[in-house]
Amino acid sequence: MGIRRKAREMALQALYQSELTGEQSLEVFNLLCENFEVNNKSVPYARSLICGVADHLQEINDLIKEHAANWRIDRMSLVDRNIIRLAVYELFWQDDVPATVVINEAIEVAKRFSTDDAGGFINGILDGINKSGARERCMP
């Protein structure tokens, strides 16, 4: 498994726990790193993903709401919602990762952490966001 995939998985776990407990996601991440064996090469990218999602959470949630037809964000599974948030952050604020890679990685993470149907659901939302031109509207 690649370093960035592991980082995405670590970030997902921290965001998930943060949302469940109400603790700050970076604090949760630091606790995870202290108490579990982690791939140290993945930590910087995972930390940047967590901080990025936290810094842009409202913008990310607005994009998800706009493109999740018939789904309120609070009705999505906690895992799926956070996988989508991580991917939207990467699509908009990580210029070094191609959109197709971001979407494929989100689907692969969903295969490991979510249900059998999650991949198609996540792909549909992310593909819609990617094709919408929202990046050009939202970014300077």
C-alpha atoms as a PDB file:
ATOM      1  CA  MET A   1       0.000   0.000   0.000  1.00  0.00           C
ATOM      2  CA  GLY A   2       1.339   3.406  -0.941  1.00  0.00           C
ATOM      3  CA  ILE A   3       2.259   6.140   1.494  1.00  0.00           C
ATOM      4  CA  ARG A   4      -0.545   8.435   0.372  1.00  0.00           C
ATOM      5  CA  ARG A   5      -3.172   5.679   0.581  1.00  0.00           C
ATOM      6  CA  LYS A   6      -2.071   4.959   4.127  1.00  0.00           C
ATOM      7  CA  ALA A   7      -2.202   8.699   4.878  1.00  0.00           C
ATOM      8  CA  ARG A   8      -5.753   8.898   3.530  1.00  0.00           C
ATOM      9  CA  GLU A   9      -6.779   5.974   5.708  1.00  0.00           C
ATOM     10  CA  MET A  10      -5.163   7.517   8.780  1.00  0.00           C
ATOM     11  CA  ALA A  11      -6.866  10.836   8.076  1.00  0.00           C
ATOM     12  CA  LEU A  12     -10.219   9.087   7.633  1.00  0.00           C
ATOM     13  CA  GLN A  13      -9.852   7.337  10.969  1.00  0.00           C
ATOM     14  CA  ALA A  14      -9.051  10.612  12.721  1.00  0.00           C
ATOM     15  CA  LEU A  15     -11.927  12.491  11.083  1.00  0.00           C
ATOM     16  CA  TYR A  16     -14.315   9.658  11.908  1.00  0.00           C
ATOM     17  CA  GLN A  17     -13.308   9.561  15.567  1.00  0.00           C
ATOM     18  CA  SER A  18     -13.352  13.344  15.782  1.00  0.00           C
ATOM     19  CA  GLU A  19     -16.893  13.507  14.502  1.00  0.00           C
ATOM     20  CA  LEU A  20     -18.006  10.750  16.886  1.00  0.00           C
ATOM     21  CA  THR A  21     -16.401  12.264  19.978  1.00  0.00           C
ATOM     22  CA  GLY A  22     -16.528  15.978  19.207  1.00  0.00           C
ATOM     23  CA  GLU A  23     -12.784  16.299  19.787  1.00  0.00           C
ATOM     24  CA  GLN A  24     -10.579  18.312  17.432  1.00  0.00           C
ATOM     25  CA  SER A  25      -9.482  16.142  14.506  1.00  0.00           C
ATOM     26  CA  LEU A  26      -5.799  17.030  14.802  1.00  0.00           C
ATOM     27  CA  GLU A  27      -5.800  16.169  18.507  1.00  0.00           C
ATOM     28  CA  VAL A  28      -7.437  12.836  17.701  1.00  0.00           C
ATOM     29  CA  PHE A  29      -4.829  12.225  15.007  1.00  0.00           C
ATOM     30  CA  ASN A  30      -1.976  12.954  17.415  1.00  0.00           C
ATOM     31  CA  LEU A  31      -3.465  10.485  19.916  1.00  0.00           C
ATOM     32  CA  LEU A  32      -3.769   7.844  17.203  1.00  0.00           C
ATOM     33  CA  CYS A  33      -0.120   8.364  16.274  1.00  0.00           C
ATOM     34  CA  GLU A  34       0.978   8.116  19.898  1.00  0.00           C
ATOM     35  CA  ASN A  35      -1.040   4.999  20.719  1.00  0.00           C
ATOM     36  CA  PHE A  36      -0.922   2.926  17.544  1.00  0.00           C
ATOM     37  CA  GLU A  37       1.765   1.789  15.189  1.00  0.00           C
ATOM     38  CA  VAL A  38       1.684   4.147  12.215  1.00  0.00           C
ATOM     39  CA  ASN A  39       3.672   4.523   9.047  1.00  0.00           C
ATOM     40  CA  ASN A  40       5.784   7.567   9.881  1.00  0.00           C
ATOM     41  CA  LYS A  41       6.212   8.423   6.202  1.00  0.00           C
ATOM     42  CA  SER A  42       2.421   8.804   5.932  1.00  0.00           C
ATOM     43  CA  VAL A  43       2.022  11.138   8.905  1.00  0.00           C
ATOM     44  CA  PRO A  44       2.844  14.475   7.192  1.00  0.00           C
ATOM     45  CA  TYR A  45       0.393  13.942   4.332  1.00  0.00           C
ATOM     46  CA  ALA A  46      -2.298  12.639   6.689  1.00  0.00           C
ATOM     47  CA  ARG A  47      -1.825  15.694   8.904  1.00  0.00           C
ATOM     48  CA  SER A  48      -2.094  18.014   5.886  1.00  0.00           C
ATOM     49  CA  LEU A  49      -5.331  16.307   4.813  1.00  0.00           C
ATOM     50  CA  ILE A  50      -6.841  16.617   8.287  1.00  0.00           C
ATOM     51  CA  CYS A  51      -5.883  20.281   8.590  1.00  0.00           C
ATOM     52  CA  GLY A  52      -7.096  20.993   5.074  1.00  0.00           C
ATOM     53  CA  VAL A  53     -10.494  19.438   5.665  1.00  0.00           C
ATOM     54  CA  ALA A  54     -10.821  21.350   8.942  1.00  0.00           C
ATOM     55  CA  ASP A  55      -9.791  24.644   7.317  1.00  0.00           C
ATOM     56  CA  HIS A  56     -12.225  24.267   4.401  1.00  0.00           C
ATOM     57  CA  LEU A  57     -15.016  22.254   6.025  1.00  0.00           C
ATOM     58  CA  GLN A  58     -17.843  24.662   5.194  1.00  0.00           C
ATOM     59  CA  GLU A  59     -16.807  24.988   1.554  1.00  0.00           C
ATOM     60  CA  ILE A  60     -16.388  21.211   1.285  1.00  0.00           C
ATOM     61  CA  ASN A  61     -19.783  20.537   2.861  1.00  0.00           C
ATOM     62  CA  ASP A  62     -21.429  23.086   0.560  1.00  0.00           C
ATOM     63  CA  LEU A  63     -19.996  21.325  -2.508  1.00  0.00           C
ATOM     64  CA  ILE A  64     -21.148  17.941  -1.240  1.00  0.00           C
ATOM     65  CA  LYS A  65     -24.658  19.272  -0.541  1.00  0.00           C
ATOM     66  CA  GLU A  66     -24.830  20.774  -4.015  1.00  0.00           C
ATOM     67  CA  HIS A  67     -23.912  17.495  -5.725  1.00  0.00           C
ATOM     68  CA  ALA A  68     -25.440  14.828  -3.488  1.00  0.00           C
ATOM     69  CA  ALA A  69     -28.820  14.570  -5.162  1.00  0.00           C
ATOM     70  CA  ASN A  70     -31.519  13.486  -2.722  1.00  0.00           C
ATOM     71  CA  TRP A  71     -29.000  13.032   0.101  1.00  0.00           C
ATOM     72  CA  ARG A  72     -28.619  15.350   3.060  1.00  0.00           C
ATOM     73  CA  ILE A  73     -25.054  15.353   4.302  1.00  0.00           C
ATOM     74  CA  ASP A  74     -26.151  14.443   7.828  1.00  0.00           C
ATOM     75  CA  ARG A  75     -27.936  11.342   6.488  1.00  0.00           C
ATOM     76  CA  MET A  76     -24.800   9.970   4.827  1.00  0.00           C
ATOM     77  CA  SER A  77     -22.846   7.384   6.730  1.00  0.00           C
ATOM     78  CA  LEU A  78     -20.096   8.897   8.829  1.00  0.00           C
ATOM     79  CA  VAL A  79     -17.451   6.947   6.932  1.00  0.00           C
ATOM     80  CA  ASP A  80     -18.731   7.860   3.467  1.00  0.00           C
ATOM     81  CA  ARG A  81     -19.159  11.527   4.399  1.00  0.00           C
ATOM     82  CA  ASN A  82     -15.552  11.762   5.583  1.00  0.00           C
ATOM     83  CA  ILE A  83     -14.150   9.868   2.601  1.00  0.00           C
ATOM     84  CA  ILE A  84     -15.938  12.361   0.357  1.00  0.00           C
ATOM     85  CA  ARG A  85     -14.666  15.310   2.416  1.00  0.00           C
ATOM     86  CA  LEU A  86     -11.074  14.106   2.119  1.00  0.00           C
ATOM     87  CA  ALA A  87     -11.434  13.613  -1.622  1.00  0.00           C
ATOM     88  CA  VAL A  88     -13.052  17.013  -2.162  1.00  0.00           C
ATOM     89  CA  TYR A  89     -10.205  18.621  -0.249  1.00  0.00           C
ATOM     90  CA  GLU A  90      -7.687  16.831  -2.461  1.00  0.00           C
ATOM     91  CA  LEU A  91      -9.582  17.738  -5.639  1.00  0.00           C
ATOM     92  CA  PHE A  92      -9.658  21.440  -4.813  1.00  0.00           C
ATOM     93  CA  TRP A  93      -6.595  22.165  -2.700  1.00  0.00           C
ATOM     94  CA  GLN A  94      -3.986  19.522  -3.614  1.00  0.00           C
ATOM     95  CA  ASP A  95      -2.834  20.450  -7.105  1.00  0.00           C
ATOM     96  CA  ASP A  96      -0.316  17.617  -7.329  1.00  0.00           C
ATOM     97  CA  VAL A  97      -2.937  14.835  -7.333  1.00  0.00           C
ATOM     98  CA  PRO A  98      -4.915  14.263 -10.559  1.00  0.00           C
ATOM     99  CA  ALA A  99      -8.697  14.123 -10.166  1.00  0.00           C
ATOM    100  CA  THR A 100      -8.907  10.563 -11.469  1.00  0.00           C
ATOM    101  CA  VAL A 101      -6.415   9.436  -8.825  1.00  0.00           C
ATOM    102  CA  VAL A 102      -8.320  11.223  -6.058  1.00  0.00           C
ATOM    103  CA  ILE A 103     -11.607   9.601  -7.072  1.00  0.00           C
ATOM    104  CA  ASN A 104     -10.083   6.148  -7.490  1.00  0.00           C
ATOM    105  CA  GLU A 105      -8.347   6.403  -4.131  1.00  0.00           C
ATOM    106  CA  ALA A 106     -11.601   7.429  -2.432  1.00  0.00           C
ATOM    107  CA  ILE A 107     -13.315   4.377  -3.915  1.00  0.00           C
ATOM    108  CA  GLU A 108     -10.492   2.092  -2.775  1.00  0.00           C
ATOM    109  CA  VAL A 109     -10.616   3.499   0.759  1.00  0.00           C
ATOM    110  CA  ALA A 110     -14.396   3.003   0.731  1.00  0.00           C
ATOM    111  CA  LYS A 111     -13.931  -0.647  -0.255  1.00  0.00           C
ATOM    112  CA  ARG A 112     -11.871  -1.142   2.870  1.00  0.00           C
ATOM    113  CA  PHE A 113     -13.855   0.931   5.371  1.00  0.00           C
ATOM    114  CA  SER A 114     -17.442   1.123   4.114  1.00  0.00           C
ATOM    115  CA  THR A 115     -20.199  -0.967   2.541  1.00  0.00           C
ATOM    116  CA  ASP A 116     -20.302  -2.678  -0.839  1.00  0.00           C
ATOM    117  CA  ASP A 117     -22.509   0.097  -2.236  1.00  0.00           C
ATOM    118  CA  ALA A 118     -20.333   2.965  -1.014  1.00  0.00           C
ATOM    119  CA  GLY A 119     -17.976   2.996  -3.998  1.00  0.00           C
ATOM    120  CA  GLY A 120     -20.694   3.832  -6.500  1.00  0.00           C
ATOM    121  CA  PHE A 121     -22.259   6.415  -4.198  1.00  0.00           C
ATOM    122  CA  ILE A 122     -18.928   8.135  -3.543  1.00  0.00           C
ATOM    123  CA  ASN A 123     -17.920   7.954  -7.208  1.00  0.00           C
ATOM    124  CA  GLY A 124     -21.182   9.574  -8.282  1.00  0.00           C
ATOM    125  CA  ILE A 125     -20.802  12.528  -5.941  1.00  0.00           C
ATOM    126  CA  LEU A 126     -17.110  13.087  -6.625  1.00  0.00           C
ATOM    127  CA  ASP A 127     -17.505  12.723 -10.373  1.00  0.00           C
ATOM    128  CA  GLY A 128     -20.322  15.274 -10.322  1.00  0.00           C
ATOM    129  CA  ILE A 129     -18.239  17.713  -8.304  1.00  0.00           C
ATOM    130  CA  ASN A 130     -15.235  17.197 -10.557  1.00  0.00           C
ATOM    131  CA  LYS A 131     -17.219  17.738 -13.780  1.00  0.00           C
ATOM    132  CA  SER A 132     -19.247  20.678 -12.485  1.00  0.00           C
ATOM    133  CA  GLY A 133     -16.638  23.371 -12.915  1.00  0.00           C
ATOM    134  CA  ALA A 134     -17.018  24.163  -9.224  1.00  0.00           C
ATOM    135  CA  ARG A 135     -13.263  24.448  -8.835  1.00  0.00           C
ATOM    136  CA  GLU A 136     -13.179  27.401 -11.187  1.00  0.00           C
ATOM    137  CA  ARG A 137     -16.138  29.050  -9.412  1.00  0.00           C
ATOM    138  CA  CYS A 138     -14.768  28.541  -5.906  1.00  0.00           C
ATOM    139  CA  MET A 139     -11.052  29.096  -6.299  1.00  0.00           C
ATOM    140  CA  PRO A 140      -9.242  32.352  -7.119  1.00  0.00           C
END
